[in-house]
């Protein structure tokens, strides 16, 4: 599939990358229909966010159509239109139970990196460095959405 990839400071390219796959029973695959460039993407572009790697797929704001869900995702089905928020949240940790999803304690496998730099770790974030989980972003044809039973919001047909 094609995706917008970070190739180094002040350099992005549309490149071929592997299609995402379901890795966890709580995952979904979303076919991207709309995506946005956020002001915070300028930080990535200018090289201010550490732990970016050549070829990382950008984009943390996207919407699309669910094409596949893992066995544990009961609230979404193939064909559902969804908006996917940038915070990746497990829905089960102490922070998520307090509805502080951007502080999820389980979605950033590289929390130690953020803690070392900032003194704390936020949740994992799509397309926003390996320090924030290394998740491929949504400026692509498809995206894997971890914890899809928590984050994606269904878009009503009337919109």
N, C-alpha and C. Protein backbone atom coordinates (compact mmCIF):
# COMPACT_ATOMS: atom_id res chain seq x y z
N UNK A 1 0.85 -1.18 0.00
CA UNK A 1 0.00 0.00 0.00
C UNK A 1 0.88 1.24 0.00
N UNK A 2 0.31 2.36 -0.35
CA UNK A 2 1.05 3.62 -0.33
C UNK A 2 0.81 4.34 0.99
N UNK A 3 1.85 5.03 1.45
CA UNK A 3 1.76 5.78 2.71
C UNK A 3 2.73 6.95 2.66
N UNK A 4 2.42 7.99 3.42
CA UNK A 4 3.33 9.12 3.58
C UNK A 4 4.33 8.76 4.66
N UNK A 5 5.59 8.76 4.30
CA UNK A 5 6.65 8.30 5.20
C UNK A 5 7.65 9.41 5.51
N UNK A 6 8.07 9.44 6.76
CA UNK A 6 9.13 10.34 7.20
C UNK A 6 10.45 9.74 6.75
N UNK A 7 11.23 10.54 6.02
CA UNK A 7 12.48 10.03 5.47
C UNK A 7 13.70 10.76 6.04
N UNK A 8 13.47 11.65 6.98
CA UNK A 8 14.54 12.43 7.58
C UNK A 8 14.06 13.86 7.77
N UNK A 9 14.86 14.62 8.46
CA UNK A 9 14.51 16.01 8.76
C UNK A 9 14.15 16.75 7.47
N UNK A 10 12.94 17.34 7.45
CA UNK A 10 12.40 18.12 6.33
C UNK A 10 12.29 17.31 5.05
N UNK A 11 12.01 16.00 5.20
CA UNK A 11 11.87 15.15 4.03
C UNK A 11 10.81 14.08 4.26
N UNK A 12 9.74 14.12 3.48
CA UNK A 12 8.72 13.07 3.50
C UNK A 12 8.51 12.60 2.07
N UNK A 13 8.06 11.35 1.93
CA UNK A 13 7.81 10.76 0.62
C UNK A 13 6.60 9.85 0.71
N UNK A 14 5.90 9.72 -0.40
CA UNK A 14 4.87 8.69 -0.51
C UNK A 14 5.60 7.45 -1.01
N UNK A 15 5.48 6.36 -0.25
CA UNK A 15 6.25 5.16 -0.53
C UNK A 15 5.36 3.93 -0.39
N UNK A 16 5.82 2.80 -0.88
CA UNK A 16 5.15 1.51 -0.68
C UNK A 16 5.59 0.94 0.66
N UNK A 17 4.61 0.53 1.47
CA UNK A 17 4.89 -0.10 2.76
C UNK A 17 4.01 -1.34 2.87
N UNK A 18 4.35 -2.27 3.77
CA UNK A 18 3.52 -3.47 3.93
C UNK A 18 2.10 -3.13 4.41
N UNK A 19 1.14 -3.91 3.96
CA UNK A 19 -0.24 -3.77 4.45
C UNK A 19 -0.27 -4.14 5.93
N UNK A 20 -1.08 -3.43 6.73
CA UNK A 20 -1.19 -3.80 8.15
C UNK A 20 -1.95 -5.11 8.31
N UNK A 21 -1.69 -5.76 9.44
CA UNK A 21 -2.34 -7.03 9.75
C UNK A 21 -2.87 -6.99 11.18
N UNK A 22 -3.88 -7.78 11.44
CA UNK A 22 -4.37 -7.97 12.80
C UNK A 22 -3.27 -8.69 13.58
N UNK A 23 -2.81 -8.09 14.67
CA UNK A 23 -1.78 -8.69 15.51
C UNK A 23 -2.32 -9.13 16.86
N UNK A 24 -3.46 -8.58 17.24
CA UNK A 24 -4.03 -8.80 18.56
C UNK A 24 -5.54 -8.94 18.40
N UNK A 25 -6.21 -9.73 19.20
CA UNK A 25 -7.66 -9.89 19.04
C UNK A 25 -8.46 -8.60 19.23
N UNK A 26 -7.84 -7.56 19.78
CA UNK A 26 -8.55 -6.28 19.97
C UNK A 26 -8.23 -5.28 18.86
N UNK A 27 -7.56 -5.71 17.81
CA UNK A 27 -7.20 -4.84 16.68
C UNK A 27 -8.33 -4.75 15.66
N UNK A 28 -8.26 -3.70 14.85
CA UNK A 28 -9.07 -3.58 13.63
C UNK A 28 -8.17 -3.04 12.53
N UNK A 29 -8.55 -3.30 11.31
CA UNK A 29 -7.91 -2.68 10.15
C UNK A 29 -8.92 -1.72 9.55
N UNK A 30 -8.47 -0.49 9.33
CA UNK A 30 -9.33 0.56 8.79
C UNK A 30 -8.77 1.01 7.44
N UNK A 31 -9.65 1.07 6.44
CA UNK A 31 -9.29 1.65 5.14
C UNK A 31 -9.48 3.15 5.28
N UNK A 32 -8.42 3.89 5.10
CA UNK A 32 -8.46 5.34 5.34
C UNK A 32 -9.19 6.03 4.19
N UNK A 33 -10.16 6.88 4.55
CA UNK A 33 -10.89 7.67 3.56
C UNK A 33 -10.59 9.16 3.70
N UNK A 34 -10.20 9.59 4.89
CA UNK A 34 -9.83 10.98 5.13
C UNK A 34 -8.74 11.03 6.17
N UNK A 35 -7.82 11.94 5.98
CA UNK A 35 -6.75 12.12 6.95
C UNK A 35 -6.40 13.60 6.99
N UNK A 36 -5.71 14.02 8.01
CA UNK A 36 -5.37 15.43 8.14
C UNK A 36 -3.90 15.58 8.52
N UNK A 37 -3.37 16.72 8.21
CA UNK A 37 -2.04 17.07 8.68
C UNK A 37 -2.25 18.02 9.84
N UNK A 38 -1.74 17.66 10.99
CA UNK A 38 -1.90 18.43 12.21
C UNK A 38 -0.72 19.38 12.38
N UNK A 39 -0.94 20.45 13.09
CA UNK A 39 0.16 21.38 13.37
C UNK A 39 1.31 20.71 14.07
N UNK A 40 1.02 19.69 14.88
CA UNK A 40 2.11 19.00 15.58
C UNK A 40 2.95 18.16 14.62
N UNK A 41 2.46 17.89 13.40
CA UNK A 41 3.27 17.19 12.41
C UNK A 41 4.48 18.02 11.99
N UNK A 42 4.38 19.33 12.15
CA UNK A 42 5.52 20.21 11.82
C UNK A 42 6.71 19.87 12.71
N UNK A 43 6.45 19.46 13.95
CA UNK A 43 7.54 19.06 14.85
C UNK A 43 8.28 17.84 14.30
N UNK A 44 7.52 16.89 13.75
CA UNK A 44 8.14 15.72 13.13
C UNK A 44 8.93 16.13 11.90
N UNK A 45 8.29 16.89 11.03
CA UNK A 45 8.91 17.32 9.78
C UNK A 45 10.24 18.04 10.04
N UNK A 46 10.25 18.89 11.04
CA UNK A 46 11.46 19.67 11.33
C UNK A 46 12.49 18.92 12.18
N UNK A 47 12.18 17.68 12.55
CA UNK A 47 13.14 16.86 13.28
C UNK A 47 13.23 17.14 14.76
N UNK A 48 12.19 17.73 15.35
CA UNK A 48 12.23 18.07 16.77
C UNK A 48 11.78 16.94 17.69
N UNK A 49 11.18 15.89 17.13
CA UNK A 49 10.72 14.76 17.95
C UNK A 49 11.71 13.62 17.77
N UNK A 50 12.37 13.22 18.84
CA UNK A 50 13.36 12.15 18.71
C UNK A 50 12.71 10.79 18.47
N UNK A 51 13.49 9.87 18.03
CA UNK A 51 13.16 8.45 17.81
C UNK A 51 12.33 8.19 16.56
N UNK A 52 12.25 9.17 15.65
CA UNK A 52 11.67 8.88 14.34
C UNK A 52 12.69 8.06 13.56
N UNK A 53 12.18 7.14 12.74
CA UNK A 53 13.05 6.31 11.90
C UNK A 53 12.65 6.48 10.44
N UNK A 54 13.64 6.44 9.59
CA UNK A 54 13.40 6.55 8.15
C UNK A 54 12.34 5.52 7.74
N UNK A 55 11.30 5.99 7.06
CA UNK A 55 10.23 5.11 6.59
C UNK A 55 9.02 5.03 7.51
N UNK A 56 9.07 5.69 8.68
CA UNK A 56 7.90 5.69 9.57
C UNK A 56 6.70 6.32 8.88
N UNK A 57 5.54 5.69 9.01
CA UNK A 57 4.30 6.20 8.42
C UNK A 57 3.73 7.28 9.31
N UNK A 58 3.49 8.44 8.74
CA UNK A 58 2.99 9.60 9.48
C UNK A 58 1.46 9.57 9.60
N UNK A 59 0.94 10.47 10.43
CA UNK A 59 -0.49 10.70 10.48
C UNK A 59 -1.17 10.17 11.72
N UNK A 60 -1.63 11.08 12.57
CA UNK A 60 -2.33 10.63 13.77
C UNK A 60 -3.77 11.09 13.82
N UNK A 61 -4.29 11.62 12.73
CA UNK A 61 -5.69 12.03 12.68
C UNK A 61 -6.30 11.46 11.40
N UNK A 62 -7.22 10.49 11.55
CA UNK A 62 -7.77 9.88 10.35
C UNK A 62 -9.14 9.29 10.59
N UNK A 63 -9.83 9.04 9.50
CA UNK A 63 -11.11 8.33 9.56
C UNK A 63 -11.17 7.38 8.38
N UNK A 64 -12.08 6.43 8.47
CA UNK A 64 -12.20 5.48 7.38
C UNK A 64 -13.26 4.44 7.63
N UNK A 65 -13.12 3.33 6.90
CA UNK A 65 -14.08 2.24 6.98
C UNK A 65 -13.39 1.00 7.54
N UNK A 66 -14.02 0.41 8.52
CA UNK A 66 -13.49 -0.82 9.11
C UNK A 66 -13.58 -1.92 8.05
N UNK A 67 -12.45 -2.62 7.83
CA UNK A 67 -12.46 -3.72 6.87
C UNK A 67 -12.28 -5.08 7.54
N UNK A 68 -11.72 -5.07 8.75
CA UNK A 68 -11.49 -6.32 9.47
C UNK A 68 -11.39 -6.02 10.96
N UNK A 69 -11.90 -6.92 11.78
CA UNK A 69 -11.77 -6.76 13.24
C UNK A 69 -11.25 -8.06 13.84
N UNK A 70 -10.51 -7.91 14.95
CA UNK A 70 -10.07 -9.07 15.71
C UNK A 70 -11.22 -9.70 16.45
N UNK A 71 -11.03 -10.91 16.92
CA UNK A 71 -12.09 -11.69 17.57
C UNK A 71 -12.68 -11.03 18.81
N UNK A 72 -11.92 -10.17 19.51
CA UNK A 72 -12.43 -9.57 20.74
C UNK A 72 -13.10 -8.21 20.52
N UNK A 73 -13.15 -7.73 19.31
CA UNK A 73 -13.79 -6.44 19.01
C UNK A 73 -15.26 -6.71 18.70
N UNK A 74 -16.13 -6.34 19.64
CA UNK A 74 -17.56 -6.64 19.51
C UNK A 74 -18.39 -5.40 19.13
N UNK A 75 -17.81 -4.21 19.27
CA UNK A 75 -18.57 -2.99 19.03
C UNK A 75 -18.40 -2.42 17.62
N UNK A 76 -17.54 -3.05 16.80
CA UNK A 76 -17.33 -2.61 15.43
C UNK A 76 -17.48 -3.79 14.49
N UNK A 77 -17.88 -3.48 13.26
CA UNK A 77 -18.01 -4.52 12.23
C UNK A 77 -17.45 -3.99 10.93
N UNK A 78 -17.08 -4.89 10.06
CA UNK A 78 -16.65 -4.48 8.72
C UNK A 78 -17.76 -3.63 8.11
N UNK A 79 -17.35 -2.53 7.49
CA UNK A 79 -18.31 -1.61 6.87
C UNK A 79 -18.62 -0.39 7.72
N UNK A 80 -18.36 -0.45 9.03
CA UNK A 80 -18.60 0.72 9.88
C UNK A 80 -17.65 1.85 9.50
N UNK A 81 -18.19 3.07 9.44
CA UNK A 81 -17.34 4.26 9.25
C UNK A 81 -16.93 4.75 10.63
N UNK A 82 -15.64 5.07 10.79
CA UNK A 82 -15.13 5.48 12.10
C UNK A 82 -14.16 6.66 11.98
N UNK A 83 -14.14 7.44 13.04
CA UNK A 83 -13.07 8.43 13.27
C UNK A 83 -12.17 7.79 14.32
N UNK A 84 -10.87 7.85 14.07
CA UNK A 84 -9.92 7.23 15.00
C UNK A 84 -9.14 8.34 15.70
N UNK A 85 -9.33 8.52 17.01
CA UNK A 85 -8.59 9.56 17.73
C UNK A 85 -7.12 9.18 17.86
N UNK A 86 -6.26 10.18 18.00
CA UNK A 86 -4.82 9.89 18.05
C UNK A 86 -4.38 9.17 19.31
N UNK A 87 -5.00 9.36 20.49
CA UNK A 87 -4.54 8.59 21.64
C UNK A 87 -4.96 7.13 21.51
N UNK A 88 -4.02 6.24 21.69
CA UNK A 88 -4.33 4.81 21.69
C UNK A 88 -4.50 4.40 23.14
N UNK A 89 -5.68 3.92 23.47
CA UNK A 89 -6.01 3.64 24.87
C UNK A 89 -6.54 2.23 25.04
N UNK A 90 -6.10 1.55 26.09
CA UNK A 90 -6.50 0.16 26.34
C UNK A 90 -7.90 0.05 26.91
N UNK A 91 -8.36 1.09 27.60
CA UNK A 91 -9.68 1.07 28.21
C UNK A 91 -9.78 0.34 29.53
N UNK A 92 -8.68 -0.24 30.00
CA UNK A 92 -8.74 -1.09 31.20
C UNK A 92 -7.81 -0.67 32.33
N UNK A 93 -6.81 0.15 32.05
CA UNK A 93 -5.86 0.54 33.10
C UNK A 93 -6.51 1.61 34.00
N UNK A 94 -5.81 1.97 35.08
CA UNK A 94 -6.35 2.95 36.04
C UNK A 94 -6.65 4.29 35.36
N UNK A 95 -5.77 4.73 34.46
CA UNK A 95 -5.99 6.02 33.80
C UNK A 95 -7.19 5.97 32.85
N UNK A 96 -7.30 4.89 32.09
CA UNK A 96 -8.44 4.75 31.19
C UNK A 96 -9.75 4.66 31.96
N UNK A 97 -9.74 3.94 33.09
CA UNK A 97 -10.95 3.85 33.90
C UNK A 97 -11.38 5.20 34.44
N UNK A 98 -10.43 6.13 34.57
CA UNK A 98 -10.73 7.52 34.98
C UNK A 98 -11.02 8.40 33.76
N UNK A 99 -11.10 7.78 32.57
CA UNK A 99 -11.33 8.46 31.29
C UNK A 99 -10.21 9.43 30.93
N UNK A 100 -9.00 9.14 31.39
CA UNK A 100 -7.81 9.92 31.05
C UNK A 100 -7.04 9.13 29.99
N UNK A 101 -7.67 8.96 28.83
CA UNK A 101 -7.17 8.06 27.80
C UNK A 101 -5.79 8.44 27.27
N UNK A 102 -5.47 9.71 27.25
CA UNK A 102 -4.15 10.12 26.75
C UNK A 102 -3.03 9.74 27.71
N UNK A 103 -3.38 9.24 28.89
CA UNK A 103 -2.39 8.77 29.86
C UNK A 103 -2.41 7.26 30.01
N UNK A 104 -3.00 6.56 29.04
CA UNK A 104 -3.09 5.10 29.12
C UNK A 104 -1.75 4.50 29.50
N UNK A 105 -1.81 3.59 30.45
CA UNK A 105 -0.59 2.97 30.98
C UNK A 105 -0.15 1.74 30.19
N UNK A 106 -0.93 1.31 29.21
CA UNK A 106 -0.64 0.06 28.51
C UNK A 106 -0.38 0.19 27.02
N UNK A 107 -0.66 1.32 26.40
CA UNK A 107 -0.58 1.40 24.95
C UNK A 107 0.78 1.84 24.41
N UNK A 108 1.66 2.30 25.27
CA UNK A 108 2.98 2.72 24.79
C UNK A 108 4.04 1.72 25.25
N UNK A 109 4.45 0.82 24.34
CA UNK A 109 5.45 -0.17 24.73
C UNK A 109 6.83 0.44 24.97
N UNK A 110 7.01 1.69 24.58
CA UNK A 110 8.30 2.37 24.76
C UNK A 110 8.19 3.51 25.77
N UNK A 111 7.33 3.33 26.75
CA UNK A 111 7.10 4.38 27.75
C UNK A 111 8.39 4.84 28.41
N UNK A 112 9.34 3.96 28.58
CA UNK A 112 10.60 4.31 29.23
C UNK A 112 11.32 5.44 28.48
N UNK A 113 11.18 5.48 27.17
CA UNK A 113 11.83 6.55 26.39
C UNK A 113 11.23 7.91 26.73
N UNK A 114 9.90 7.97 26.73
CA UNK A 114 9.22 9.22 27.05
C UNK A 114 9.51 9.63 28.49
N UNK A 115 9.50 8.66 29.40
CA UNK A 115 9.79 8.96 30.81
C UNK A 115 11.19 9.53 30.98
N UNK A 116 12.13 9.01 30.23
CA UNK A 116 13.51 9.50 30.31
C UNK A 116 13.62 10.95 29.82
N UNK A 117 12.88 11.27 28.75
CA UNK A 117 12.94 12.62 28.18
C UNK A 117 12.06 13.62 28.93
N UNK A 118 10.81 13.22 29.23
CA UNK A 118 9.82 14.15 29.78
C UNK A 118 9.52 13.93 31.25
N UNK A 119 9.92 12.80 31.81
CA UNK A 119 9.60 12.50 33.20
C UNK A 119 8.30 11.74 33.38
N UNK A 120 7.55 11.54 32.31
CA UNK A 120 6.31 10.76 32.33
C UNK A 120 6.09 10.25 30.90
N UNK A 121 5.17 9.36 30.75
CA UNK A 121 4.83 8.88 29.41
C UNK A 121 3.35 9.06 29.14
N UNK A 122 3.03 9.64 28.00
CA UNK A 122 1.64 9.61 27.57
C UNK A 122 1.33 8.25 26.95
N UNK A 123 0.16 8.13 26.41
CA UNK A 123 -0.25 6.90 25.72
C UNK A 123 0.54 6.73 24.43
N UNK A 124 0.33 5.61 23.77
CA UNK A 124 0.84 5.45 22.42
C UNK A 124 0.06 6.36 21.49
N UNK A 125 0.72 6.83 20.43
CA UNK A 125 0.08 7.74 19.48
C UNK A 125 0.41 7.28 18.06
N UNK A 126 -0.58 7.26 17.20
CA UNK A 126 -0.38 6.87 15.81
C UNK A 126 0.62 7.81 15.12
N UNK A 127 1.57 7.24 14.41
CA UNK A 127 2.46 7.99 13.54
C UNK A 127 3.27 9.07 14.21
N UNK A 128 3.63 8.88 15.48
CA UNK A 128 4.30 9.98 16.18
C UNK A 128 5.51 9.51 16.96
N UNK A 129 6.40 8.81 16.33
CA UNK A 129 7.71 8.42 16.84
C UNK A 129 7.66 7.10 17.61
N UNK A 130 8.82 6.51 17.73
CA UNK A 130 8.94 5.25 18.47
C UNK A 130 8.88 5.49 19.97
N UNK A 131 9.18 6.70 20.39
CA UNK A 131 9.07 7.06 21.80
C UNK A 131 7.61 6.97 22.26
N UNK A 132 6.67 7.14 21.32
CA UNK A 132 5.25 7.07 21.64
C UNK A 132 4.61 5.82 21.03
N UNK A 133 5.40 4.76 20.95
CA UNK A 133 4.87 3.46 20.58
C UNK A 133 5.31 2.91 19.24
N UNK A 134 5.72 3.77 18.32
CA UNK A 134 6.15 3.31 17.01
C UNK A 134 5.01 2.80 16.14
N UNK A 135 3.79 3.24 16.41
CA UNK A 135 2.63 2.80 15.63
C UNK A 135 2.60 3.51 14.29
N UNK A 136 2.35 2.77 13.22
CA UNK A 136 2.19 3.37 11.90
C UNK A 136 0.97 4.30 11.93
N UNK A 137 1.09 5.41 11.22
CA UNK A 137 0.03 6.42 11.22
C UNK A 137 -1.00 6.21 10.13
N UNK A 138 -1.88 7.19 10.02
CA UNK A 138 -3.04 7.11 9.14
C UNK A 138 -2.92 7.86 7.83
N UNK A 139 -1.74 8.38 7.49
CA UNK A 139 -1.58 8.96 6.15
C UNK A 139 -1.15 7.82 5.22
N UNK A 140 -2.07 6.89 5.07
CA UNK A 140 -1.83 5.66 4.35
C UNK A 140 -3.16 5.15 3.81
N UNK A 141 -3.09 4.10 3.04
CA UNK A 141 -4.33 3.52 2.52
C UNK A 141 -5.08 2.73 3.59
N UNK A 142 -4.33 2.11 4.52
CA UNK A 142 -4.91 1.32 5.60
C UNK A 142 -4.12 1.55 6.87
N UNK A 143 -4.76 1.32 8.01
CA UNK A 143 -4.07 1.40 9.30
C UNK A 143 -4.55 0.30 10.22
N UNK A 144 -3.62 -0.22 10.99
CA UNK A 144 -3.96 -1.13 12.09
C UNK A 144 -4.32 -0.27 13.28
N UNK A 145 -5.46 -0.54 13.90
CA UNK A 145 -5.92 0.22 15.06
C UNK A 145 -5.92 -0.72 16.27
N UNK A 146 -4.91 -0.59 17.15
CA UNK A 146 -4.90 -1.40 18.37
C UNK A 146 -6.01 -0.96 19.32
N UNK A 147 -6.46 -1.86 20.18
CA UNK A 147 -7.52 -1.56 21.14
C UNK A 147 -8.73 -0.92 20.44
N UNK A 148 -9.10 -1.49 19.30
CA UNK A 148 -10.18 -0.92 18.48
C UNK A 148 -11.53 -0.97 19.17
N UNK A 149 -11.64 -1.74 20.24
CA UNK A 149 -12.89 -1.77 21.00
C UNK A 149 -13.03 -0.57 21.92
N UNK A 150 -12.00 0.30 21.95
CA UNK A 150 -12.01 1.46 22.85
C UNK A 150 -12.04 2.79 22.08
N UNK A 151 -11.09 3.01 21.18
CA UNK A 151 -10.88 4.33 20.61
C UNK A 151 -11.79 4.78 19.48
N UNK A 152 -11.95 4.01 18.42
CA UNK A 152 -12.69 4.49 17.26
C UNK A 152 -14.12 4.87 17.59
N UNK A 153 -14.56 5.95 16.98
CA UNK A 153 -15.94 6.44 17.15
C UNK A 153 -16.69 6.21 15.86
N UNK A 154 -17.84 5.55 15.93
CA UNK A 154 -18.65 5.33 14.74
C UNK A 154 -19.20 6.65 14.23
N UNK A 155 -19.20 6.80 12.91
CA UNK A 155 -19.75 7.98 12.26
C UNK A 155 -21.14 7.61 11.74
N UNK A 156 -22.17 8.34 12.18
CA UNK A 156 -23.52 8.01 11.70
C UNK A 156 -23.63 8.18 10.18
N UNK A 157 -24.50 7.39 9.57
CA UNK A 157 -24.70 7.45 8.12
C UNK A 157 -25.11 8.83 7.65
N UNK A 158 -25.81 9.58 8.48
CA UNK A 158 -26.32 10.90 8.06
C UNK A 158 -25.20 11.94 7.92
N UNK A 159 -24.01 11.63 8.42
CA UNK A 159 -22.90 12.57 8.28
C UNK A 159 -22.01 12.18 7.12
